[in-house]
Amino acid sequence: MNSTERITVRLTPEKAEMVQRLVDNGEYDNVSDVIREALDEFLKIRFPSGNIDRVTVDIPKANVVKLEALVQDGDSVSIDDAIRNAVREYTNARLRSL
């Protein structure tokens, strides 16, 4: 087993409830897994590697609904896939116009 350190984190009751809800909904096995994943994501942002492997984008709700429709219609396997395709097509079109 890998060596680990125990760190105690204090959360507001509201945040603790939201974290527990993720566990209760079956999205995570336990609270520690939620905190570990959140910390991993935070550290990736604060200490990025040389290559970008993930980009976070805020999308208006209306666009999310349209992306979900693309997935339901079978045009994409997931919303992430639809976004990747859109970015790829946009980038290719811009590069062709140079």
Protein backbone atom coordinates (compact mmCIF):
# COMPACT_ATOMS: atom_id res chain seq x y z
CA MET A 1 0.00 0.00 0.00
CA ASN A 2 1.20 3.51 -0.79
CA SER A 3 2.05 5.79 2.08
CA THR A 4 -0.56 8.50 2.68
CA GLU A 5 -1.07 11.33 5.11
CA ARG A 6 -4.25 12.14 6.97
CA ILE A 7 -5.43 15.74 6.65
CA THR A 8 -8.53 17.06 8.38
CA VAL A 9 -10.71 19.54 6.51
CA ARG A 10 -13.52 21.56 8.05
CA LEU A 11 -16.53 22.27 5.82
CA THR A 12 -19.64 24.32 6.31
CA PRO A 13 -22.71 22.18 7.00
CA GLU A 14 -24.03 23.06 3.53
CA LYS A 15 -20.87 21.89 1.75
CA ALA A 16 -20.66 18.76 3.89
CA GLU A 17 -24.27 17.98 2.95
CA MET A 18 -23.55 18.43 -0.77
CA VAL A 19 -20.50 16.16 -0.54
CA GLN A 20 -22.51 13.52 1.32
CA ARG A 21 -25.25 13.77 -1.31
CA LEU A 22 -22.71 12.75 -3.99
CA VAL A 23 -21.90 9.66 -1.94
CA ASP A 24 -25.56 8.90 -1.22
CA ASN A 25 -26.38 9.21 -4.94
CA GLY A 26 -23.76 6.55 -5.67
CA GLU A 27 -21.45 8.87 -7.61
CA TYR A 28 -18.61 8.17 -5.16
CA ASP A 29 -17.86 5.37 -2.73
CA ASN A 30 -17.10 7.69 0.16
CA VAL A 31 -16.48 11.29 1.19
CA SER A 32 -12.71 10.89 0.92
CA ASP A 33 -13.04 9.99 -2.76
CA VAL A 34 -15.02 13.21 -3.40
CA ILE A 35 -12.41 15.33 -1.67
CA ARG A 36 -9.52 13.53 -3.40
CA GLU A 37 -11.00 14.07 -6.86
CA ALA A 38 -11.75 17.72 -6.15
CA LEU A 39 -8.21 18.23 -4.89
CA ASP A 40 -6.75 16.45 -7.93
CA GLU A 41 -8.68 18.80 -10.24
CA PHE A 42 -7.61 21.86 -8.23
CA LEU A 43 -3.95 20.82 -8.33
CA LYS A 44 -4.08 20.19 -12.09
CA ILE A 45 -5.21 23.79 -12.53
CA ARG A 46 -2.66 25.25 -10.12
CA PHE A 47 0.26 23.09 -11.29
CA PRO A 48 -0.43 22.31 -14.96
CA SER A 49 1.74 19.89 -16.87
CA GLY A 50 3.48 20.99 -20.06
CA ASN A 51 0.55 19.76 -22.15
CA ILE A 52 -3.08 20.74 -21.76
CA ASP A 53 -5.21 17.66 -21.28
CA ARG A 54 -8.46 19.30 -20.18
CA VAL A 55 -10.19 22.61 -20.76
CA THR A 56 -13.16 23.78 -18.71
CA VAL A 57 -15.79 25.84 -20.49
CA ASP A 58 -18.86 27.59 -19.11
CA ILE A 59 -21.73 27.11 -21.57
CA PRO A 60 -25.11 28.85 -21.44
CA LYS A 61 -27.95 26.52 -20.44
CA ALA A 62 -29.66 26.97 -23.84
CA ASN A 63 -26.55 25.65 -25.57
CA VAL A 64 -26.31 22.73 -23.17
CA VAL A 65 -29.90 21.79 -24.11
CA LYS A 66 -28.93 21.87 -27.79
CA LEU A 67 -25.84 19.75 -27.13
CA GLU A 68 -27.96 17.23 -25.23
CA ALA A 69 -30.27 17.06 -28.25
CA LEU A 70 -27.26 16.24 -30.48
CA VAL A 71 -26.39 13.38 -28.16
CA GLN A 72 -29.97 12.09 -28.06
CA ASP A 73 -30.16 12.26 -31.87
CA GLY A 74 -27.00 10.19 -32.11
CA ASP A 75 -24.86 12.92 -33.67
CA SER A 76 -22.41 12.65 -30.77
CA VAL A 77 -21.73 10.05 -28.11
CA SER A 78 -21.56 12.64 -25.32
CA ILE A 79 -21.71 16.37 -24.71
CA ASP A 80 -17.91 16.36 -24.33
CA ASP A 81 -17.64 14.68 -27.73
CA ALA A 82 -19.96 17.27 -29.31
CA ILE A 83 -17.86 20.10 -27.89
CA ARG A 84 -14.61 18.48 -29.09
CA ASN A 85 -16.09 18.10 -32.58
CA ALA A 86 -17.25 21.72 -32.63
CA VAL A 87 -13.85 23.00 -31.53
CA ARG A 88 -12.08 20.75 -34.06
CA GLU A 89 -14.33 21.95 -36.92
CA TYR A 90 -13.93 25.59 -35.90
CA THR A 91 -10.15 25.28 -35.64
CA ASN A 92 -9.86 23.51 -38.99
CA ALA A 93 -12.02 26.17 -40.70
CA ARG A 94 -9.93 28.98 -39.21
CA LEU A 95 -6.67 27.32 -40.24
CA ARG A 96 -7.93 26.84 -43.82
CA SER A 97 -8.79 30.54 -44.05
CA LEU A 98 -5.24 31.66 -43.18
